[in-house]
Amino acid sequence: MKSISYTLPVHRDASIGRVLRRLIEIKRRSDEIIVCDQCSPREIIDVEKRYADKVVQINEFDTIPAARNAAALEAKGEILVSMDLDVIVPRNTPNRL
């Protein structure tokens, strides 16, 4: 199976923990979770660091595409899955890609 990099742009959104916990449930050993944070408070960054494999921080609020690109540049997986925080990934996603 090909490795997957799941990327998420985040800007001060407390729902990140819910999304990251779900990704942890479906993630395989070869997969990675990368968050690009845009000026979130320390509490949110702490959650990101607890669950994500990598946290990329941008010091200013830029566009969502800029955050996606920053996360994608860090990705090592063979498949890149760019997500939003309102998406809950189905459990069978890794097997379908």
C-alpha atoms as a PDB file:
ATOM      1  CA  MET A   1       0.000   0.000   0.000  1.00  0.00           C
ATOM      2  CA  LYS A   2       1.105   3.540  -0.701  1.00  0.00           C
ATOM      3  CA  SER A   3       1.763   5.870   2.230  1.00  0.00           C
ATOM      4  CA  ILE A   4      -0.658   8.744   2.788  1.00  0.00           C
ATOM      5  CA  SER A   5       0.009  12.277   4.013  1.00  0.00           C
ATOM      6  CA  TYR A   6      -3.114  13.885   5.488  1.00  0.00           C
ATOM      7  CA  THR A   7      -2.780  17.686   5.597  1.00  0.00           C
ATOM      8  CA  LEU A   8      -4.980  20.209   7.389  1.00  0.00           C
ATOM      9  CA  PRO A   9      -4.861  24.014   7.488  1.00  0.00           C
ATOM     10  CA  VAL A  10      -5.910  25.379  10.900  1.00  0.00           C
ATOM     11  CA  HIS A  11      -6.712  28.911  12.017  1.00  0.00           C
ATOM     12  CA  ARG A  12      -7.905  29.178  15.624  1.00  0.00           C
ATOM     13  CA  ASP A  13     -10.339  26.268  15.341  1.00  0.00           C
ATOM     14  CA  ALA A  14     -10.914  24.267  18.513  1.00  0.00           C
ATOM     15  CA  SER A  15     -12.498  21.380  16.558  1.00  0.00           C
ATOM     16  CA  ILE A  16      -9.013  20.260  15.459  1.00  0.00           C
ATOM     17  CA  GLY A  17      -8.836  17.705  18.274  1.00  0.00           C
ATOM     18  CA  ARG A  18     -11.925  15.874  17.032  1.00  0.00           C
ATOM     19  CA  VAL A  19     -10.612  15.705  13.474  1.00  0.00           C
ATOM     20  CA  LEU A  20      -7.123  14.611  14.522  1.00  0.00           C
ATOM     21  CA  ARG A  21      -8.443  11.891  16.856  1.00  0.00           C
ATOM     22  CA  ARG A  22     -10.411  10.435  13.952  1.00  0.00           C
ATOM     23  CA  LEU A  23      -7.338  10.491  11.697  1.00  0.00           C
ATOM     24  CA  ILE A  24      -5.324   8.708  14.389  1.00  0.00           C
ATOM     25  CA  GLU A  25      -7.973   5.944  14.363  1.00  0.00           C
ATOM     26  CA  ILE A  26      -7.589   5.248  10.641  1.00  0.00           C
ATOM     27  CA  LYS A  27      -3.935   6.124  10.091  1.00  0.00           C
ATOM     28  CA  ARG A  28      -1.547   3.311   9.241  1.00  0.00           C
ATOM     29  CA  ARG A  29       2.046   3.117  10.430  1.00  0.00           C
ATOM     30  CA  SER A  30       3.384   4.446   7.098  1.00  0.00           C
ATOM     31  CA  ASP A  31       0.949   7.407   7.016  1.00  0.00           C
ATOM     32  CA  GLU A  32       1.458  10.867   8.458  1.00  0.00           C
ATOM     33  CA  ILE A  33      -0.692  13.767   9.658  1.00  0.00           C
ATOM     34  CA  ILE A  34       0.546  17.294   8.976  1.00  0.00           C
ATOM     35  CA  VAL A  35      -1.133  20.419  10.357  1.00  0.00           C
ATOM     36  CA  CYS A  36      -0.371  23.914   9.093  1.00  0.00           C
ATOM     37  CA  ASP A  37      -1.300  26.297  11.879  1.00  0.00           C
ATOM     38  CA  GLN A  38      -2.040  29.955  11.218  1.00  0.00           C
ATOM     39  CA  CYS A  39      -1.719  31.955  14.435  1.00  0.00           C
ATOM     40  CA  SER A  40      -3.780  29.736  16.739  1.00  0.00           C
ATOM     41  CA  PRO A  41      -3.637  30.170  20.521  1.00  0.00           C
ATOM     42  CA  ARG A  42      -1.271  27.958  22.529  1.00  0.00           C
ATOM     43  CA  GLU A  43      -4.084  25.590  23.642  1.00  0.00           C
ATOM     44  CA  ILE A  44      -4.907  24.676  20.038  1.00  0.00           C
ATOM     45  CA  ILE A  45      -1.246  24.297  19.082  1.00  0.00           C
ATOM     46  CA  ASP A  46      -0.787  21.933  22.043  1.00  0.00           C
ATOM     47  CA  VAL A  47      -3.620  19.729  20.725  1.00  0.00           C
ATOM     48  CA  GLU A  48      -2.106  19.767  17.239  1.00  0.00           C
ATOM     49  CA  LYS A  49       1.279  18.713  18.587  1.00  0.00           C
ATOM     50  CA  ARG A  50      -0.288  15.925  20.645  1.00  0.00           C
ATOM     51  CA  TYR A  51      -1.918  14.236  17.631  1.00  0.00           C
ATOM     52  CA  ALA A  52      -0.159  15.337  14.433  1.00  0.00           C
ATOM     53  CA  ASP A  53       3.132  13.956  13.213  1.00  0.00           C
ATOM     54  CA  LYS A  54       4.208  17.436  12.097  1.00  0.00           C
ATOM     55  CA  VAL A  55       2.969  20.938  12.876  1.00  0.00           C
ATOM     56  CA  VAL A  56       4.013  23.679  10.480  1.00  0.00           C
ATOM     57  CA  GLN A  57       3.397  27.188  11.785  1.00  0.00           C
ATOM     58  CA  ILE A  58       2.838  30.266   9.666  1.00  0.00           C
ATOM     59  CA  ASN A  59       3.224  33.489  11.632  1.00  0.00           C
ATOM     60  CA  GLU A  60       0.473  35.388   9.910  1.00  0.00           C
ATOM     61  CA  PHE A  61      -2.988  34.573   8.668  1.00  0.00           C
ATOM     62  CA  ASP A  62      -2.599  33.967   4.990  1.00  0.00           C
ATOM     63  CA  THR A  63      -4.927  32.279   2.563  1.00  0.00           C
ATOM     64  CA  ILE A  64      -6.075  28.707   3.084  1.00  0.00           C
ATOM     65  CA  PRO A  65      -4.319  27.657  -0.137  1.00  0.00           C
ATOM     66  CA  ALA A  66      -1.047  29.057   1.267  1.00  0.00           C
ATOM     67  CA  ALA A  67      -1.505  26.938   4.398  1.00  0.00           C
ATOM     68  CA  ARG A  68      -2.294  23.865   2.297  1.00  0.00           C
ATOM     69  CA  ASN A  69       0.843  24.433   0.256  1.00  0.00           C
ATOM     70  CA  ALA A  70       3.001  24.871   3.369  1.00  0.00           C
ATOM     71  CA  ALA A  71       1.732  21.541   4.730  1.00  0.00           C
ATOM     72  CA  ALA A  72       2.134  19.818   1.353  1.00  0.00           C
ATOM     73  CA  LEU A  73       5.772  20.889   1.174  1.00  0.00           C
ATOM     74  CA  GLU A  74       6.409  18.882   4.364  1.00  0.00           C
ATOM     75  CA  ALA A  75       4.582  15.765   3.133  1.00  0.00           C
ATOM     76  CA  LYS A  76       6.539  12.570   2.540  1.00  0.00           C
ATOM     77  CA  GLY A  77       3.642  10.265   1.600  1.00  0.00           C
ATOM     78  CA  GLU A  78       3.033   8.921  -1.877  1.00  0.00           C
ATOM     79  CA  ILE A  79      -0.583  10.152  -1.725  1.00  0.00           C
ATOM     80  CA  LEU A  80      -1.512  13.634  -0.499  1.00  0.00           C
ATOM     81  CA  VAL A  81      -4.948  14.072   1.081  1.00  0.00           C
ATOM     82  CA  SER A  82      -5.665  17.745   1.685  1.00  0.00           C
ATOM     83  CA  MET A  83      -8.506  18.119   4.169  1.00  0.00           C
ATOM     84  CA  ASP A  84     -10.626  20.737   5.876  1.00  0.00           C
ATOM     85  CA  LEU A  85     -11.692  20.653   9.516  1.00  0.00           C
ATOM     86  CA  ASP A  86     -15.330  20.001   8.666  1.00  0.00           C
ATOM     87  CA  VAL A  87     -14.449  16.651   7.060  1.00  0.00           C
ATOM     88  CA  ILE A  88     -14.634  13.382   8.968  1.00  0.00           C
ATOM     89  CA  VAL A  89     -12.704  10.761   7.052  1.00  0.00           C
ATOM     90  CA  PRO A  90     -14.472   7.398   6.653  1.00  0.00           C
ATOM     91  CA  ARG A  91     -12.692   4.492   8.351  1.00  0.00           C
ATOM     92  CA  ASN A  92     -12.070   2.663   5.069  1.00  0.00           C
ATOM     93  CA  THR A  93     -10.330   5.630   3.382  1.00  0.00           C
ATOM     94  CA  PRO A  94      -6.767   4.235   3.483  1.00  0.00           C
ATOM     95  CA  ASN A  95      -7.895   1.033   1.782  1.00  0.00           C
ATOM     96  CA  ARG A  96      -9.747   2.924  -0.945  1.00  0.00           C
ATOM     97  CA  LEU A  97      -6.868   5.131  -2.041  1.00  0.00           C
END
